[in-house]
Amino acid sequence: MKITSPIALCLLTSLLLLGCDQSQDIKDIDCDSPNLTKAEKQQANCFWNMGDPTDRSQNKGF
């Protein structure tokens, strides 16, 4: 009895976490839109979009 209850608790917890992890399709969100909320920007990964690279960032040589 002592061994089965932690195993059952672990299995139920893992099933609960799997049920909560419902992936949602990310729509094509225009990151340049000023009407986006912070949550929408975070969902669309807009925070990592820093724009086009400049000539200076492409020049890695000496």
Protein backbone atom coordinates (compact mmCIF):
# COMPACT_ATOMS: atom_id res chain seq x y z
CA MET A 1 0.00 0.00 0.00
CA LYS A 2 2.84 2.37 0.78
CA ILE A 3 4.43 1.86 -2.63
CA THR A 4 1.29 1.89 -4.76
CA SER A 5 -0.06 5.23 -3.56
CA PRO A 6 3.03 7.29 -4.63
CA ILE A 7 3.07 5.49 -7.98
CA ALA A 8 -0.63 6.17 -8.50
CA LEU A 9 -0.15 9.81 -7.48
CA CYS A 10 2.74 10.16 -9.91
CA LEU A 11 0.74 8.64 -12.77
CA LEU A 12 -2.29 10.81 -12.09
CA THR A 13 -0.13 13.93 -11.93
CA SER A 14 1.54 13.11 -15.23
CA LEU A 15 -1.83 12.49 -16.88
CA LEU A 16 -3.11 15.80 -15.54
CA LEU A 17 -0.08 17.63 -16.90
CA LEU A 18 -0.43 15.96 -20.28
CA GLY A 19 -4.07 17.02 -20.43
CA CYS A 20 -3.18 20.63 -19.64
CA ASP A 21 -0.52 20.81 -22.33
CA GLN A 22 -2.86 21.39 -25.25
CA SER A 23 -0.84 23.02 -28.01
CA GLN A 24 -2.64 25.72 -29.93
CA ASP A 25 -1.88 26.68 -33.51
CA ILE A 26 -0.20 30.05 -33.72
CA LYS A 27 -1.81 32.24 -36.32
CA ASP A 28 0.29 34.45 -38.54
CA ILE A 29 0.44 37.57 -36.41
CA ASP A 30 1.85 40.79 -37.78
CA CYS A 31 4.40 41.83 -35.17
CA ASP A 32 4.47 45.40 -36.50
CA SER A 33 0.82 45.98 -35.63
CA PRO A 34 0.47 48.55 -32.81
CA ASN A 35 -2.83 47.00 -31.65
CA LEU A 36 -1.25 43.76 -30.36
CA THR A 37 -1.40 43.01 -26.68
CA LYS A 38 1.66 41.84 -24.76
CA ALA A 39 0.25 38.30 -24.62
CA GLU A 40 -0.26 38.20 -28.40
CA LYS A 41 3.28 39.44 -28.99
CA GLN A 42 4.64 36.82 -26.64
CA GLN A 43 2.63 34.06 -28.32
CA ALA A 44 3.89 35.06 -31.76
CA ASN A 45 7.51 35.37 -30.61
CA CYS A 46 7.57 39.05 -31.59
CA PHE A 47 10.01 39.87 -28.81
CA TRP A 48 12.80 37.99 -30.58
CA ASN A 49 12.28 39.69 -33.94
CA MET A 50 14.90 42.43 -34.04
CA GLY A 51 14.51 43.28 -37.71
CA ASP A 52 16.93 42.94 -40.59
CA PRO A 53 20.65 42.64 -39.85
CA THR A 54 22.76 45.70 -40.54
CA ASP A 55 26.00 45.81 -42.54
CA ARG A 56 27.97 46.21 -39.33
CA SER A 57 26.54 43.03 -37.79
CA GLN A 58 27.35 41.04 -40.93
CA ASN A 59 31.00 42.15 -40.94
CA LYS A 60 32.68 39.65 -38.62
CA GLY A 61 36.21 39.86 -40.08
CA PHE A 62 39.11 42.09 -39.16
